[in-house]
């Protein structure tokens, strides 16, 4: 018995007409009748009652029809699952924060594409907290994100420690300084970034000011780092953010280095623990090659 026998039987059982079933199957009526006889011989009992006027299912045929439908459905599902596995193997999704777009992806992606020419690479811009959720759910293969990493089911690699800089409106009194100290920022209007969106940035800045015994006047909390810079450009205050953001400067702000102990923020690459698919293994290896970093857990 083969699947084609089941498909032929189902077509006849549903149409209750050999001519219409043969047309649907794009085969001849004699060939279809021969296939049904072969099936009944294999099963050992009649499945159909046919005469010149009509075709009907026997009791055994009614029972066999339900099983045949179930078997054909299982066979189709098996094909779908097999194809989906291949598609998933050929798909690699990367979540990233803006820093990775500037400092990492241009260095890594060209070499990674050479290693995985047949892989469809999807790039998804997401905040850190969303990346962790999507890595755990399997929606992302890897995330380029910030601390903190909460889940024990994730491994991560610290890639870059980026120095923070002072960002000021172009007409701010401190904009004329070549570099700025924590002491100079004491009492100055300050735009902070919401920790729910910025990862560790808000805590790093807060801790740095405490260590430097300086206290700015926080006048606004922004929902992301780009909004933070734009609010500074509107004259609301100054801020501390990674220097890569100068790539998105529209000319309304100036960037100045920090004098003394400079705070930094880490860019991470995170993935779910367990067996790694080949594309992820190649991506991690490519990052090692390009940045010469070591795993931190």
C-alpha atoms as a PDB file:
ATOM      1  CA  UNK A   1       0.000   0.000   0.000  1.00  0.00           C
ATOM      2  CA  UNK A   2       1.330   3.436  -0.969  1.00  0.00           C
ATOM      3  CA  UNK A   3       0.162   6.980  -0.281  1.00  0.00           C
ATOM      4  CA  UNK A   4      -1.083   7.278  -3.867  1.00  0.00           C
ATOM      5  CA  UNK A   5      -3.524   4.432  -3.160  1.00  0.00           C
ATOM      6  CA  UNK A   6      -4.906   6.398  -0.218  1.00  0.00           C
ATOM      7  CA  UNK A   7      -5.172   9.613  -2.251  1.00  0.00           C
ATOM      8  CA  UNK A   8      -7.031   7.779  -5.040  1.00  0.00           C
ATOM      9  CA  UNK A   9      -9.394   6.128  -2.580  1.00  0.00           C
ATOM     10  CA  UNK A  10     -10.141   9.413  -0.780  1.00  0.00           C
ATOM     11  CA  UNK A  11     -10.898  11.140  -4.086  1.00  0.00           C
ATOM     12  CA  UNK A  12     -13.395   8.420  -5.058  1.00  0.00           C
ATOM     13  CA  UNK A  13     -14.902   8.224  -1.562  1.00  0.00           C
ATOM     14  CA  UNK A  14     -15.489  11.979  -1.473  1.00  0.00           C
ATOM     15  CA  UNK A  15     -16.814  12.276  -5.038  1.00  0.00           C
ATOM     16  CA  UNK A  16     -18.638   8.909  -5.081  1.00  0.00           C
ATOM     17  CA  UNK A  17     -18.009   9.004  -8.786  1.00  0.00           C
ATOM     18  CA  UNK A  18     -15.054   7.460 -10.646  1.00  0.00           C
ATOM     19  CA  UNK A  19     -15.221   9.867 -13.579  1.00  0.00           C
ATOM     20  CA  UNK A  20     -15.125  13.025 -11.422  1.00  0.00           C
ATOM     21  CA  UNK A  21     -12.428  11.538  -9.160  1.00  0.00           C
ATOM     22  CA  UNK A  22     -10.285  10.647 -12.191  1.00  0.00           C
ATOM     23  CA  UNK A  23     -10.598  14.211 -13.519  1.00  0.00           C
ATOM     24  CA  UNK A  24      -9.593  15.641 -10.145  1.00  0.00           C
ATOM     25  CA  UNK A  25      -6.562  13.343  -9.991  1.00  0.00           C
ATOM     26  CA  UNK A  26      -5.631  14.002 -13.640  1.00  0.00           C
ATOM     27  CA  UNK A  27      -5.610  10.299 -14.408  1.00  0.00           C
ATOM     28  CA  UNK A  28      -7.718   7.945 -16.547  1.00  0.00           C
ATOM     29  CA  UNK A  29     -10.766   6.178 -15.158  1.00  0.00           C
ATOM     30  CA  UNK A  30      -9.430   2.672 -15.969  1.00  0.00           C
ATOM     31  CA  UNK A  31      -6.183   3.455 -14.171  1.00  0.00           C
ATOM     32  CA  UNK A  32      -8.075   4.780 -11.135  1.00  0.00           C
ATOM     33  CA  UNK A  33     -10.288   1.665 -11.023  1.00  0.00           C
ATOM     34  CA  UNK A  34      -7.169  -0.520 -11.180  1.00  0.00           C
ATOM     35  CA  UNK A  35      -5.589   1.375  -8.248  1.00  0.00           C
ATOM     36  CA  UNK A  36      -8.727   0.970  -6.131  1.00  0.00           C
ATOM     37  CA  UNK A  37      -8.842  -2.789  -6.859  1.00  0.00           C
ATOM     38  CA  UNK A  38      -5.176  -3.075  -5.830  1.00  0.00           C
ATOM     39  CA  UNK A  39      -5.954  -1.244  -2.591  1.00  0.00           C
ATOM     40  CA  UNK A  40      -8.921  -3.501  -1.770  1.00  0.00           C
ATOM     41  CA  UNK A  41      -6.764  -6.554  -2.458  1.00  0.00           C
ATOM     42  CA  UNK A  42      -4.138  -5.214  -0.074  1.00  0.00           C
ATOM     43  CA  UNK A  43      -6.696  -4.386   2.642  1.00  0.00           C
ATOM     44  CA  UNK A  44      -8.506  -7.707   2.152  1.00  0.00           C
ATOM     45  CA  UNK A  45     -12.079  -6.411   2.187  1.00  0.00           C
ATOM     46  CA  UNK A  46     -14.281  -4.393  -0.222  1.00  0.00           C
ATOM     47  CA  UNK A  47     -14.173  -0.659   0.456  1.00  0.00           C
ATOM     48  CA  UNK A  48     -16.595   0.469  -2.260  1.00  0.00           C
ATOM     49  CA  UNK A  49     -19.838  -0.840  -3.712  1.00  0.00           C
ATOM     50  CA  UNK A  50     -20.154   0.166  -7.355  1.00  0.00           C
ATOM     51  CA  UNK A  51     -22.562  -0.523 -10.153  1.00  0.00           C
ATOM     52  CA  UNK A  52     -23.559   1.274 -13.350  1.00  0.00           C
ATOM     53  CA  UNK A  53     -25.653   3.812 -11.449  1.00  0.00           C
ATOM     54  CA  UNK A  54     -23.748   4.711  -8.271  1.00  0.00           C
ATOM     55  CA  UNK A  55     -20.722   4.291  -6.021  1.00  0.00           C
ATOM     56  CA  UNK A  56     -21.068   3.869  -2.253  1.00  0.00           C
ATOM     57  CA  UNK A  57     -18.791   3.149   0.679  1.00  0.00           C
ATOM     58  CA  UNK A  58     -19.042  -0.130   2.527  1.00  0.00           C
ATOM     59  CA  UNK A  59     -18.906  -0.102   6.339  1.00  0.00           C
ATOM     60  CA  UNK A  60     -15.230  -1.036   6.057  1.00  0.00           C
ATOM     61  CA  UNK A  61     -14.803   1.767   3.517  1.00  0.00           C
ATOM     62  CA  UNK A  62     -16.317   4.342   5.923  1.00  0.00           C
ATOM     63  CA  UNK A  63     -13.833   3.264   8.615  1.00  0.00           C
ATOM     64  CA  UNK A  64     -10.923   3.156   6.187  1.00  0.00           C
ATOM     65  CA  UNK A  65     -11.716   6.653   4.878  1.00  0.00           C
ATOM     66  CA  UNK A  66     -11.217   8.239   8.313  1.00  0.00           C
ATOM     67  CA  UNK A  67      -7.856   6.535   8.772  1.00  0.00           C
ATOM     68  CA  UNK A  68      -6.791   7.358   5.218  1.00  0.00           C
ATOM     69  CA  UNK A  69      -7.554  11.049   5.764  1.00  0.00           C
ATOM     70  CA  UNK A  70      -5.567  11.029   9.016  1.00  0.00           C
ATOM     71  CA  UNK A  71      -2.581   9.315   7.374  1.00  0.00           C
ATOM     72  CA  UNK A  72      -2.540  11.758   4.451  1.00  0.00           C
ATOM     73  CA  UNK A  73      -2.735  14.695   6.867  1.00  0.00           C
ATOM     74  CA  UNK A  74       0.178  13.319   8.880  1.00  0.00           C
ATOM     75  CA  UNK A  75       2.200  12.845   5.698  1.00  0.00           C
ATOM     76  CA  UNK A  76       1.534  16.439   4.661  1.00  0.00           C
ATOM     77  CA  UNK A  77       2.455  17.725   8.123  1.00  0.00           C
ATOM     78  CA  UNK A  78       5.696  15.759   7.974  1.00  0.00           C
ATOM     79  CA  UNK A  79       6.597  17.505   4.708  1.00  0.00           C
ATOM     80  CA  UNK A  80       5.779  20.916   6.185  1.00  0.00           C
ATOM     81  CA  UNK A  81       7.882  20.276   9.288  1.00  0.00           C
ATOM     82  CA  UNK A  82      10.824  19.064   7.203  1.00  0.00           C
ATOM     83  CA  UNK A  83      10.675  22.146   4.971  1.00  0.00           C
ATOM     84  CA  UNK A  84      10.340  24.443   7.982  1.00  0.00           C
ATOM     85  CA  UNK A  85      13.453  22.901   9.528  1.00  0.00           C
ATOM     86  CA  UNK A  86      15.441  23.693   6.393  1.00  0.00           C
ATOM     87  CA  UNK A  87      14.048  27.227   6.287  1.00  0.00           C
ATOM     88  CA  UNK A  88      14.942  27.817   9.951  1.00  0.00           C
ATOM     89  CA  UNK A  89      18.460  26.491   9.341  1.00  0.00           C
ATOM     90  CA  UNK A  90      18.809  29.000   6.491  1.00  0.00           C
ATOM     91  CA  UNK A  91      17.493  31.940   8.528  1.00  0.00           C
ATOM     92  CA  UNK A  92      19.562  33.909  11.041  1.00  0.00           C
ATOM     93  CA  UNK A  93      18.073  36.813  12.998  1.00  0.00           C
ATOM     94  CA  UNK A  94      20.204  39.435  14.753  1.00  0.00           C
ATOM     95  CA  UNK A  95      18.797  41.920  17.244  1.00  0.00           C
ATOM     96  CA  UNK A  96      20.820  45.083  17.766  1.00  0.00           C
ATOM     97  CA  UNK A  97      21.010  48.375  19.598  1.00  0.00           C
ATOM     98  CA  UNK A  98      22.258  51.469  17.671  1.00  0.00           C
ATOM     99  CA  UNK A  99      25.851  51.071  18.904  1.00  0.00           C
ATOM    100  CA  UNK A 100      26.135  47.713  17.141  1.00  0.00           C
ATOM    101  CA  UNK A 101      24.863  49.287  13.936  1.00  0.00           C
ATOM    102  CA  UNK A 102      27.776  51.723  14.024  1.00  0.00           C
ATOM    103  CA  UNK A 103      30.611  49.906  15.796  1.00  0.00           C
ATOM    104  CA  UNK A 104      30.143  46.204  15.088  1.00  0.00           C
ATOM    105  CA  UNK A 105      27.891  45.123  12.228  1.00  0.00           C
ATOM    106  CA  UNK A 106      29.894  46.866   9.471  1.00  0.00           C
ATOM    107  CA  UNK A 107      32.995  44.964  10.628  1.00  0.00           C
ATOM    108  CA  UNK A 108      31.368  41.570  11.122  1.00  0.00           C
ATOM    109  CA  UNK A 109      28.617  41.190   8.523  1.00  0.00           C
ATOM    110  CA  UNK A 110      30.772  41.119   5.344  1.00  0.00           C
ATOM    111  CA  UNK A 111      32.927  38.275   6.690  1.00  0.00           C
ATOM    112  CA  UNK A 112      29.894  36.442   8.104  1.00  0.00           C
ATOM    113  CA  UNK A 113      28.134  36.600   4.725  1.00  0.00           C
ATOM    114  CA  UNK A 114      31.175  34.962   3.133  1.00  0.00           C
ATOM    115  CA  UNK A 115      30.944  32.116   5.642  1.00  0.00           C
ATOM    116  CA  UNK A 116      27.158  31.755   5.280  1.00  0.00           C
ATOM    117  CA  UNK A 117      26.340  32.723   1.662  1.00  0.00           C
ATOM    118  CA  UNK A 118      23.058  30.777   1.607  1.00  0.00           C
ATOM    119  CA  UNK A 119      21.766  32.087   4.936  1.00  0.00           C
ATOM    120  CA  UNK A 120      19.057  34.747   5.000  1.00  0.00           C
ATOM    121  CA  UNK A 121      20.198  37.320   7.570  1.00  0.00           C
ATOM    122  CA  UNK A 122      17.513  39.382   9.299  1.00  0.00           C
ATOM    123  CA  UNK A 123      18.513  42.506  11.252  1.00  0.00           C
ATOM    124  CA  UNK A 124      16.067  43.733  13.912  1.00  0.00           C
ATOM    125  CA  UNK A 125      16.529  46.984  15.856  1.00  0.00           C
ATOM    126  CA  UNK A 126      15.359  46.380  19.449  1.00  0.00           C
ATOM    127  CA  UNK A 127      15.990  47.673  22.949  1.00  0.00           C
ATOM    128  CA  UNK A 128      17.897  45.384  25.315  1.00  0.00           C
ATOM    129  CA  UNK A 129      14.938  44.084  27.323  1.00  0.00           C
ATOM    130  CA  UNK A 130      13.052  43.090  24.165  1.00  0.00           C
ATOM    131  CA  UNK A 131      16.107  41.323  22.793  1.00  0.00           C
ATOM    132  CA  UNK A 132      16.443  39.094  25.855  1.00  0.00           C
ATOM    133  CA  UNK A 133      12.776  38.057  25.596  1.00  0.00           C
ATOM    134  CA  UNK A 134      13.048  37.271  21.891  1.00  0.00           C
ATOM    135  CA  UNK A 135      16.282  35.285  22.256  1.00  0.00           C
ATOM    136  CA  UNK A 136      14.643  33.118  24.921  1.00  0.00           C
ATOM    137  CA  UNK A 137      11.536  32.600  22.758  1.00  0.00           C
ATOM    138  CA  UNK A 138      13.619  31.702  19.707  1.00  0.00           C
ATOM    139  CA  UNK A 139      12.585  34.742  17.661  1.00  0.00           C
ATOM    140  CA  UNK A 140      16.199  35.974  17.677  1.00  0.00           C
ATOM    141  CA  UNK A 141      19.299  33.845  17.195  1.00  0.00           C
ATOM    142  CA  UNK A 142      21.617  36.422  18.719  1.00  0.00           C
ATOM    143  CA  UNK A 143      21.313  39.835  20.353  1.00  0.00           C
ATOM    144  CA  UNK A 144      23.728  42.772  20.310  1.00  0.00           C
ATOM    145  CA  UNK A 145      22.620  44.501  23.472  1.00  0.00           C
ATOM    146  CA  UNK A 146      23.534  46.065  26.833  1.00  0.00           C
ATOM    147  CA  UNK A 147      23.757  44.878  30.404  1.00  0.00           C
ATOM    148  CA  UNK A 148      21.973  43.680  32.430  1.00  0.00           C
ATOM    149  CA  UNK A 149      21.443  40.077  31.316  1.00  0.00           C
ATOM    150  CA  UNK A 150      18.856  38.581  33.659  1.00  0.00           C
ATOM    151  CA  UNK A 151      18.218  35.046  32.409  1.00  0.00           C
ATOM    152  CA  UNK A 152      20.582  32.203  33.427  1.00  0.00           C
ATOM    153  CA  UNK A 153      19.634  30.566  30.120  1.00  0.00           C
ATOM    154  CA  UNK A 154      21.693  33.091  28.145  1.00  0.00           C
ATOM    155  CA  UNK A 155      25.401  33.132  27.386  1.00  0.00           C
ATOM    156  CA  UNK A 156      26.992  36.416  26.431  1.00  0.00           C
ATOM    157  CA  UNK A 157      30.167  37.976  25.160  1.00  0.00           C
ATOM    158  CA  UNK A 158      31.346  41.480  26.124  1.00  0.00           C
ATOM    159  CA  UNK A 159      32.443  43.025  22.848  1.00  0.00           C
ATOM    160  CA  UNK A 160      33.295  46.700  23.326  1.00  0.00           C
ATOM    161  CA  UNK A 161      33.610  49.025  26.308  1.00  0.00           C
ATOM    162  CA  UNK A 162      32.540  52.402  24.966  1.00  0.00           C
ATOM    163  CA  UNK A 163      33.552  55.605  26.764  1.00  0.00           C
ATOM    164  CA  UNK A 164      30.759  58.034  27.593  1.00  0.00           C
ATOM    165  CA  UNK A 165      31.023  61.658  26.565  1.00  0.00           C
ATOM    166  CA  UNK A 166      29.295  64.882  27.534  1.00  0.00           C
ATOM    167  CA  UNK A 167      26.731  66.129  25.016  1.00  0.00           C
ATOM    168  CA  UNK A 168      25.639  69.759  25.192  1.00  0.00           C
ATOM    169  CA  UNK A 169      23.521  72.196  23.177  1.00  0.00           C
ATOM    170  CA  UNK A 170      25.714  74.140  20.768  1.00  0.00           C
ATOM    171  CA  UNK A 171      24.989  77.414  22.644  1.00  0.00           C
ATOM    172  CA  UNK A 172      25.617  76.009  26.153  1.00  0.00           C
ATOM    173  CA  UNK A 173      28.279  77.879  28.205  1.00  0.00           C
ATOM    174  CA  UNK A 174      30.297  74.655  28.585  1.00  0.00           C
ATOM    175  CA  UNK A 175      30.281  74.031  24.825  1.00  0.00           C
ATOM    176  CA  UNK A 176      33.401  76.196  24.548  1.00  0.00           C
ATOM    177  CA  UNK A 177      35.374  73.788  26.761  1.00  0.00           C
ATOM    178  CA  UNK A 178      37.624  71.224  25.067  1.00  0.00           C
ATOM    179  CA  UNK A 179      36.897  68.667  27.812  1.00  0.00           C
ATOM    180  CA  UNK A 180      34.539  68.668  30.786  1.00  0.00           C
ATOM    181  CA  UNK A 181      34.870  67.399  34.359  1.00  0.00           C
ATOM    182  CA  UNK A 182      32.227  65.994  36.707  1.00  0.00           C
ATOM    183  CA  UNK A 183      32.665  69.060  38.903  1.00  0.00           C
ATOM    184  CA  UNK A 184      31.631  71.327  36.029  1.00  0.00           C
ATOM    185  CA  UNK A 185      28.397  69.349  35.628  1.00  0.00           C
ATOM    186  CA  UNK A 186      27.341  69.798  39.270  1.00  0.00           C
ATOM    187  CA  UNK A 187      23.942  71.534  39.354  1.00  0.00           C
ATOM    188  CA  UNK A 188      23.689  71.706  35.555  1.00  0.00           C
ATOM    189  CA  UNK A 189      20.339  70.835  33.946  1.00  0.00           C
ATOM    190  CA  UNK A 190      20.597  67.200  32.833  1.00  0.00           C
ATOM    191  CA  UNK A 191      18.600  64.914  30.532  1.00  0.00           C
ATOM    192  CA  UNK A 192      18.658  61.285  31.728  1.00  0.00           C
ATOM    193  CA  UNK A 193      17.655  58.107  29.882  1.00  0.00           C
ATOM    194  CA  UNK A 194      14.972  55.782  31.234  1.00  0.00           C
ATOM    195  CA  UNK A 195      16.658  52.550  32.473  1.00  0.00           C
ATOM    196  CA  UNK A 196      13.699  50.534  31.168  1.00  0.00           C
ATOM    197  CA  UNK A 197      14.863  51.393  27.644  1.00  0.00           C
ATOM    198  CA  UNK A 198      18.585  52.109  27.917  1.00  0.00           C
ATOM    199  CA  UNK A 199      19.833  49.026  29.742  1.00  0.00           C
ATOM    200  CA  UNK A 200      22.695  49.832  32.103  1.00  0.00           C
ATOM    201  CA  UNK A 201      23.323  53.385  30.844  1.00  0.00           C
ATOM    202  CA  UNK A 202      21.209  55.223  33.421  1.00  0.00           C
ATOM    203  CA  UNK A 203      22.780  53.309  36.339  1.00  0.00           C
ATOM    204  CA  UNK A 204      26.316  53.788  35.001  1.00  0.00           C
ATOM    205  CA  UNK A 205      25.771  57.547  34.773  1.00  0.00           C
ATOM    206  CA  UNK A 206      24.158  57.728  38.220  1.00  0.00           C
ATOM    207  CA  UNK A 207      26.984  55.745  39.840  1.00  0.00           C
ATOM    208  CA  UNK A 208      29.637  57.850  38.119  1.00  0.00           C
ATOM    209  CA  UNK A 209      28.172  61.096  39.413  1.00  0.00           C
ATOM    210  CA  UNK A 210      27.978  59.631  42.917  1.00  0.00           C
ATOM    211  CA  UNK A 211      31.599  58.512  42.779  1.00  0.00           C
ATOM    212  CA  UNK A 212      32.645  61.940  41.519  1.00  0.00           C
ATOM    213  CA  UNK A 213      30.565  63.627  44.260  1.00  0.00           C
ATOM    214  CA  UNK A 214      28.731  65.658  41.632  1.00  0.00           C
ATOM    215  CA  UNK A 215      24.963  66.025  41.300  1.00  0.00           C
ATOM    216  CA  UNK A 216      23.385  67.386  38.104  1.00  0.00           C
ATOM    217  CA  UNK A 217      19.828  68.717  38.044  1.00  0.00           C
ATOM    218  CA  UNK A 218      17.751  66.082  36.222  1.00  0.00           C
ATOM    219  CA  UNK A 219      15.017  67.935  34.325  1.00  0.00           C
ATOM    220  CA  UNK A 220      13.866  65.250  31.893  1.00  0.00           C
ATOM    221  CA  UNK A 221      13.944  61.441  31.505  1.00  0.00           C
ATOM    222  CA  UNK A 222      13.916  60.295  27.871  1.00  0.00           C
ATOM    223  CA  UNK A 223      12.661  56.979  26.520  1.00  0.00           C
ATOM    224  CA  UNK A 224      15.713  56.245  24.364  1.00  0.00           C
ATOM    225  CA  UNK A 225      19.188  57.507  23.642  1.00  0.00           C
ATOM    226  CA  UNK A 226      18.289  59.249  20.376  1.00  0.00           C
ATOM    227  CA  UNK A 227      15.451  61.130  22.067  1.00  0.00           C
ATOM    228  CA  UNK A 228      17.907  62.045  24.835  1.00  0.00           C
ATOM    229  CA  UNK A 229      20.261  63.649  22.316  1.00  0.00           C
ATOM    230  CA  UNK A 230      17.403  65.445  20.558  1.00  0.00           C
ATOM    231  CA  UNK A 231      16.163  66.907  23.862  1.00  0.00           C
ATOM    232  CA  UNK A 232      19.664  68.166  24.547  1.00  0.00           C
ATOM    233  CA  UNK A 233      19.631  69.780  21.101  1.00  0.00           C
ATOM    234  CA  UNK A 234      16.408  71.577  22.088  1.00  0.00           C
ATOM    235  CA  UNK A 235      18.275  73.187  24.986  1.00  0.00           C
ATOM    236  CA  UNK A 236      16.704  71.245  27.854  1.00  0.00           C
ATOM    237  CA  UNK A 237      20.059  70.316  29.381  1.00  0.00           C
ATOM    238  CA  UNK A 238      23.179  68.213  28.891  1.00  0.00           C
ATOM    239  CA  UNK A 239      23.677  64.450  29.035  1.00  0.00           C
ATOM    240  CA  UNK A 240      26.220  61.608  29.100  1.00  0.00           C
ATOM    241  CA  UNK A 241      25.954  59.046  26.303  1.00  0.00           C
ATOM    242  CA  UNK A 242      28.323  56.824  24.284  1.00  0.00           C
ATOM    243  CA  UNK A 243      30.423  58.714  21.760  1.00  0.00           C
ATOM    244  CA  UNK A 244      29.152  56.709  18.767  1.00  0.00           C
ATOM    245  CA  UNK A 245      25.990  58.833  18.867  1.00  0.00           C
ATOM    246  CA  UNK A 246      27.979  61.604  17.199  1.00  0.00           C
ATOM    247  CA  UNK A 247      27.253  59.669  13.981  1.00  0.00           C
ATOM    248  CA  UNK A 248      23.625  60.787  14.364  1.00  0.00           C
ATOM    249  CA  UNK A 249      24.421  64.403  15.241  1.00  0.00           C
ATOM    250  CA  UNK A 250      22.328  66.863  13.225  1.00  0.00           C
ATOM    251  CA  UNK A 251      24.423  69.833  14.337  1.00  0.00           C
ATOM    252  CA  UNK A 252      22.278  70.892  17.300  1.00  0.00           C
ATOM    253  CA  UNK A 253      24.672  69.456  19.896  1.00  0.00           C
ATOM    254  CA  UNK A 254      28.403  69.182  20.550  1.00  0.00           C
ATOM    255  CA  UNK A 255      30.314  66.222  22.002  1.00  0.00           C
ATOM    256  CA  UNK A 256      33.067  66.734  24.556  1.00  0.00           C
ATOM    257  CA  UNK A 257      35.337  64.163  26.267  1.00  0.00           C
ATOM    258  CA  UNK A 258      35.290  63.734  30.037  1.00  0.00           C
ATOM    259  CA  UNK A 259      38.209  64.794  32.185  1.00  0.00           C
ATOM    260  CA  UNK A 260      39.536  62.209  34.648  1.00  0.00           C
ATOM    261  CA  UNK A 261      37.868  58.870  35.339  1.00  0.00           C
ATOM    262  CA  UNK A 262      35.803  58.172  32.212  1.00  0.00           C
ATOM    263  CA  UNK A 263      32.725  55.909  32.615  1.00  0.00           C
ATOM    264  CA  UNK A 264      32.204  53.225  29.966  1.00  0.00           C
ATOM    265  CA  UNK A 265      29.316  51.048  28.819  1.00  0.00           C
ATOM    266  CA  UNK A 266      29.640  47.521  27.438  1.00  0.00           C
ATOM    267  CA  UNK A 267      28.157  46.245  24.200  1.00  0.00           C
ATOM    268  CA  UNK A 268      27.241  42.558  24.512  1.00  0.00           C
ATOM    269  CA  UNK A 269      26.473  39.697  22.187  1.00  0.00           C
ATOM    270  CA  UNK A 270      24.013  37.250  23.787  1.00  0.00           C
ATOM    271  CA  UNK A 271      22.503  33.936  22.713  1.00  0.00           C
ATOM    272  CA  UNK A 272      20.523  31.084  24.238  1.00  0.00           C
ATOM    273  CA  UNK A 273      22.485  28.311  25.923  1.00  0.00           C
ATOM    274  CA  UNK A 274      22.383  24.842  24.403  1.00  0.00           C
ATOM    275  CA  UNK A 275      23.316  23.379  21.078  1.00  0.00           C
ATOM    276  CA  UNK A 276      24.179  26.128  18.568  1.00  0.00           C
ATOM    277  CA  UNK A 277      23.120  26.013  14.953  1.00  0.00           C
ATOM    278  CA  UNK A 278      25.974  26.369  12.411  1.00  0.00           C
ATOM    279  CA  UNK A 279      25.156  29.985  11.507  1.00  0.00           C
ATOM    280  CA  UNK A 280      25.364  31.064  15.157  1.00  0.00           C
ATOM    281  CA  UNK A 281      28.648  29.218  15.627  1.00  0.00           C
ATOM    282  CA  UNK A 282      30.037  31.013  12.564  1.00  0.00           C
ATOM    283  CA  UNK A 283      28.729  34.381  13.780  1.00  0.00           C
ATOM    284  CA  UNK A 284      30.381  34.006  17.190  1.00  0.00           C
ATOM    285  CA  UNK A 285      33.625  32.901  15.528  1.00  0.00           C
ATOM    286  CA  UNK A 286      33.483  35.888  13.184  1.00  0.00           C
ATOM    287  CA  UNK A 287      33.109  38.273  16.106  1.00  0.00           C
ATOM    288  CA  UNK A 288      36.117  36.628  17.769  1.00  0.00           C
ATOM    289  CA  UNK A 289      38.124  37.086  14.581  1.00  0.00           C
ATOM    290  CA  UNK A 290      37.180  40.711  14.069  1.00  0.00           C
ATOM    291  CA  UNK A 291      37.343  41.900  17.672  1.00  0.00           C
ATOM    292  CA  UNK A 292      39.630  39.359  19.368  1.00  0.00           C
ATOM    293  CA  UNK A 293      37.430  39.162  22.461  1.00  0.00           C
ATOM    294  CA  UNK A 294      36.988  36.452  25.083  1.00  0.00           C
ATOM    295  CA  UNK A 295      33.821  34.925  26.540  1.00  0.00           C
ATOM    296  CA  UNK A 296      32.523  36.313  29.817  1.00  0.00           C
ATOM    297  CA  UNK A 297      29.818  34.499  31.772  1.00  0.00           C
END
